[in-house]
Amino acid sequence: MIAEFLLRRIANDQPSVSLDPLVARILHVSASRLSKRVRDETGATILTHINRMRLARGTQLLHDATLRIKEVATRAGYGCTSTFDSHFRKAAGTTPSAFRKTLS
């Protein structure tokens, strides 16, 4: 349930998913309870799970060649392109730009 909520927020270009109390309040749980429930549902910490979802969203958005990398990063929930680039390179072994070139 919580993992689905987080995924919907990212999929709907609402990148402000974090450990902030607002998300916990929306779900009617404390921040610590939110963290425990995400770990129980996903087997990962909330931060790891959010990062995985952001990377998945970014990868999905990279298939749309009309979007600039900066827009992909923002829509996937990253504050700046360099952070997205760094996380993507660590997970995929290549940069978002290089990945996109393999799609053509």
Protein backbone atom coordinates (compact mmCIF):
# COMPACT_ATOMS: atom_id res chain seq x y z
CA MET A 1 0.00 0.00 0.00
CA ILE A 2 2.65 2.55 0.99
CA ALA A 3 4.99 1.46 -1.79
CA GLU A 4 2.12 1.88 -4.27
CA PHE A 5 1.41 5.38 -2.93
CA LEU A 6 5.04 6.40 -3.36
CA LEU A 7 5.13 4.91 -6.85
CA ARG A 8 1.96 6.79 -7.88
CA ARG A 9 3.43 10.08 -6.64
CA ILE A 10 6.59 9.59 -8.68
CA ALA A 11 4.69 8.31 -11.73
CA ASN A 12 2.48 11.41 -11.59
CA ASP A 13 5.53 13.69 -11.64
CA GLN A 14 5.21 14.61 -7.97
CA PRO A 15 8.87 14.30 -7.03
CA SER A 16 8.48 15.65 -3.50
CA VAL A 17 8.47 12.13 -2.11
CA SER A 18 10.73 12.01 0.91
CA LEU A 19 10.77 11.17 4.57
CA ASP A 20 9.15 14.48 5.41
CA PRO A 21 6.25 14.45 7.84
CA LEU A 22 3.80 15.49 5.11
CA VAL A 23 3.94 12.06 3.42
CA ALA A 24 3.55 10.33 6.78
CA ARG A 25 0.59 12.59 7.62
CA ILE A 26 -1.06 11.90 4.27
CA LEU A 27 -0.81 8.20 5.04
CA HIS A 28 -1.86 8.74 8.68
CA VAL A 29 1.29 7.21 10.19
CA SER A 30 4.39 8.52 11.94
CA ALA A 31 7.60 8.92 9.94
CA SER A 32 9.17 6.01 11.81
CA ARG A 33 6.13 3.80 11.18
CA LEU A 34 6.22 4.79 7.52
CA SER A 35 9.85 3.69 7.30
CA LYS A 36 9.10 0.36 8.97
CA ARG A 37 6.09 -0.32 6.75
CA VAL A 38 8.05 0.42 3.58
CA ARG A 39 10.82 -1.92 4.73
CA ASP A 40 8.23 -4.62 5.48
CA GLU A 41 6.57 -4.19 2.07
CA THR A 42 9.68 -3.84 -0.07
CA GLY A 43 12.58 -5.29 1.88
CA ALA A 44 14.44 -2.00 1.49
CA THR A 45 14.77 1.22 3.42
CA ILE A 46 12.44 3.98 2.33
CA LEU A 47 15.32 5.97 0.84
CA THR A 48 16.58 2.98 -1.16
CA HIS A 49 13.07 2.22 -2.35
CA ILE A 50 12.41 5.83 -3.37
CA ASN A 51 15.72 5.94 -5.25
CA ARG A 52 14.87 2.72 -7.09
CA MET A 53 11.49 4.13 -8.08
CA ARG A 54 13.04 7.40 -9.23
CA LEU A 55 15.57 5.52 -11.35
CA ALA A 56 12.81 3.37 -12.85
CA ARG A 57 10.78 6.49 -13.63
CA GLY A 58 13.84 8.20 -15.12
CA THR A 59 14.59 5.18 -17.29
CA GLN A 60 10.99 5.14 -18.49
CA LEU A 61 11.11 8.85 -19.31
CA LEU A 62 14.38 8.49 -21.23
CA HIS A 63 12.43 6.57 -23.88
CA ASP A 64 10.67 9.84 -24.75
CA ALA A 65 13.22 11.55 -27.01
CA THR A 66 11.31 14.84 -26.84
CA LEU A 67 12.27 15.27 -23.17
CA ARG A 68 15.61 16.83 -22.34
CA ILE A 69 17.73 15.01 -19.76
CA LYS A 70 17.18 17.88 -17.34
CA GLU A 71 13.41 17.46 -17.62
CA VAL A 72 13.72 13.69 -17.17
CA ALA A 73 15.76 14.26 -14.01
CA THR A 74 13.25 16.75 -12.61
CA ARG A 75 10.22 14.62 -13.45
CA ALA A 76 11.87 11.58 -11.88
CA GLY A 77 12.33 13.50 -8.64
CA TYR A 78 15.96 14.58 -8.76
CA GLY A 79 16.86 18.09 -7.70
CA CYS A 80 19.53 18.43 -10.36
CA THR A 81 20.71 16.67 -13.48
CA SER A 82 24.10 15.77 -12.03
CA THR A 83 22.47 13.81 -9.20
CA PHE A 84 20.31 11.89 -11.67
CA ASP A 85 23.36 11.28 -13.86
CA SER A 86 25.38 9.98 -10.91
CA HIS A 87 22.64 7.66 -9.64
CA PHE A 88 21.85 6.42 -13.14
CA ARG A 89 25.51 5.74 -13.95
CA LYS A 90 25.95 3.81 -10.71
CA ALA A 91 22.84 1.67 -11.35
CA ALA A 92 23.07 1.19 -15.12
CA GLY A 93 26.79 1.49 -15.76
CA THR A 94 26.25 4.24 -18.31
CA THR A 95 25.04 7.82 -18.45
CA PRO A 96 21.42 8.72 -19.23
CA SER A 97 22.54 10.26 -22.55
CA ALA A 98 24.47 7.16 -23.58
CA PHE A 99 21.56 4.94 -22.55
CA ARG A 100 19.19 7.03 -24.65
CA LYS A 101 21.46 6.66 -27.70
CA THR A 102 21.15 2.88 -27.44
CA LEU A 103 17.38 3.23 -27.83
CA SER A 104 17.56 4.71 -31.32
